[in-house]
Amino acid sequence: MNGCIYVGLLLLAASLLLNTFFHPQVQKSRSLCLLLALTGGMSVILQQDSAGLAAVEAVLGLVLIGCTVLSLLTERHDRRAAQITRRRRAERQCWEEERLQEDLAMVERELENVTENVA
């Protein structure tokens, strides 16, 4: 087996691992993972027997893997930030409801005191 096949198999494996680990949901991340898999597949299918081509393919593959990982990490960070925002919004809403309940109970007590004083 030549170097291009090894590089192609590594790119295919990297694409599979990144898809499995990160579960991309943004189109950019999906496209990068697909491009990574297609690049690896083409390397395996074409089987060019040139050390220079294998080296260039390896460098470009590493750059593509780096871009894909950065995109996936950004996507994961954005999803976590959105989740934290939703959680905080729900907590704030719950706190506001409790506060309204307390205010309502206080008003009812004051109303009872006023009616007792009048009677």
Protein backbone atom coordinates (compact mmCIF):
# COMPACT_ATOMS: atom_id res chain seq x y z
CA MET A 1 0.00 0.00 0.00
CA ASN A 2 1.24 3.47 -0.74
CA GLY A 3 1.17 6.68 1.29
CA CYS A 4 -1.94 8.12 -0.36
CA ILE A 5 -4.02 5.15 0.74
CA TYR A 6 -2.84 5.57 4.33
CA VAL A 7 -3.61 9.30 4.24
CA GLY A 8 -7.03 8.59 2.70
CA LEU A 9 -7.88 6.01 5.34
CA LEU A 10 -6.77 8.39 8.10
CA LEU A 11 -8.95 11.18 6.67
CA LEU A 12 -11.94 8.82 6.46
CA ALA A 13 -11.34 7.69 10.05
CA ALA A 14 -11.01 11.30 11.22
CA SER A 15 -14.29 12.22 9.52
CA LEU A 16 -16.07 9.27 11.10
CA LEU A 17 -14.69 10.03 14.57
CA LEU A 18 -15.56 13.73 14.36
CA ASN A 19 -19.10 12.95 13.19
CA THR A 20 -19.54 10.36 15.94
CA PHE A 21 -18.09 12.48 18.73
CA PHE A 22 -19.49 15.93 17.92
CA HIS A 23 -22.80 15.17 16.11
CA PRO A 24 -22.61 18.28 13.88
CA GLN A 25 -25.91 20.14 13.45
CA VAL A 26 -24.74 23.31 11.69
CA GLN A 27 -24.48 23.10 7.90
CA LYS A 28 -20.88 24.41 7.86
CA SER A 29 -19.71 21.68 10.23
CA ARG A 30 -21.57 18.98 8.31
CA SER A 31 -20.07 20.20 5.06
CA LEU A 32 -16.54 20.17 6.47
CA CYS A 33 -16.97 16.62 7.77
CA LEU A 34 -18.34 15.54 4.39
CA LEU A 35 -15.45 17.26 2.59
CA LEU A 36 -13.03 15.46 4.88
CA ALA A 37 -14.64 12.11 4.06
CA LEU A 38 -14.73 12.86 0.33
CA THR A 39 -11.06 13.87 0.33
CA GLY A 40 -10.13 10.64 2.08
CA GLY A 41 -12.31 8.59 -0.22
CA MET A 42 -10.78 10.14 -3.31
CA SER A 43 -7.29 9.41 -1.96
CA VAL A 44 -8.16 5.77 -1.46
CA ILE A 45 -9.92 5.42 -4.83
CA LEU A 46 -7.26 7.17 -6.94
CA GLN A 47 -4.30 5.45 -5.23
CA GLN A 48 -1.68 7.78 -6.68
CA ASP A 49 1.82 6.44 -6.07
CA SER A 50 3.77 9.62 -5.43
CA ALA A 51 5.52 10.52 -2.19
CA GLY A 52 5.19 14.24 -2.94
CA LEU A 53 1.47 13.93 -3.53
CA ALA A 54 1.07 11.93 -0.32
CA ALA A 55 2.94 14.62 1.63
CA VAL A 56 0.85 17.44 0.16
CA GLU A 57 -2.31 15.45 0.76
CA ALA A 58 -1.29 14.80 4.38
CA VAL A 59 -0.61 18.51 5.04
CA LEU A 60 -3.87 19.59 3.41
CA GLY A 61 -5.70 16.84 5.30
CA LEU A 62 -4.29 18.08 8.60
CA VAL A 63 -5.38 21.63 7.77
CA LEU A 64 -8.86 20.37 6.87
CA ILE A 65 -9.04 18.34 10.08
CA GLY A 66 -7.99 21.42 12.09
CA CYS A 67 -10.64 23.60 10.44
CA THR A 68 -13.30 20.95 11.00
CA VAL A 69 -12.39 20.54 14.68
CA LEU A 70 -12.47 24.30 15.24
CA SER A 71 -15.86 24.55 13.55
CA LEU A 72 -17.23 21.67 15.62
CA LEU A 73 -15.86 23.13 18.87
CA THR A 74 -17.43 26.50 18.05
CA GLU A 75 -20.75 24.79 17.33
CA ARG A 76 -20.56 22.86 20.61
CA HIS A 77 -19.77 26.07 22.53
CA ASP A 78 -22.73 27.85 20.92
CA ARG A 79 -25.07 24.97 21.81
CA ARG A 80 -23.89 25.00 25.43
CA ALA A 81 -24.26 28.78 25.65
CA ALA A 82 -27.81 28.53 24.30
CA GLN A 83 -28.60 25.79 26.79
CA ILE A 84 -27.28 27.89 29.69
CA THR A 85 -29.31 30.88 28.48
CA ARG A 86 -32.48 28.77 28.33
CA ARG A 87 -31.81 27.39 31.82
CA ARG A 88 -31.21 30.86 33.26
CA ARG A 89 -34.34 32.19 31.59
CA ALA A 90 -36.38 29.34 33.10
CA GLU A 91 -34.85 29.97 36.55
CA ARG A 92 -35.58 33.69 36.27
CA GLN A 93 -39.16 32.99 35.27
CA CYS A 94 -39.57 30.59 38.20
CA TRP A 95 -38.09 33.17 40.57
CA GLU A 96 -40.45 35.86 39.22
CA GLU A 97 -43.44 33.55 39.69
CA GLU A 98 -42.39 32.87 43.30
CA ARG A 99 -41.95 36.57 43.88
CA LEU A 100 -45.44 37.28 42.48
CA GLN A 101 -46.90 34.57 44.73
CA GLU A 102 -45.21 36.15 47.75
CA ASP A 103 -46.48 39.60 46.77
CA LEU A 104 -50.01 38.22 46.29
CA ALA A 105 -49.91 36.53 49.70
CA MET A 106 -48.72 39.78 51.30
CA VAL A 107 -51.52 41.77 49.65
CA GLU A 108 -54.09 39.19 50.78
CA ARG A 109 -52.80 39.43 54.38
CA GLU A 110 -52.96 43.21 54.28
CA LEU A 111 -56.49 43.01 52.87
CA GLU A 112 -57.48 40.68 55.70
CA ASN A 113 -55.96 43.10 58.25
CA VAL A 114 -57.87 46.02 56.73
CA THR A 115 -61.18 44.11 56.74
CA GLU A 116 -60.59 43.07 60.38
CA ASN A 117 -59.89 46.66 61.37
CA VAL A 118 -63.01 47.91 59.60
CA ALA A 119 -65.23 45.30 61.21
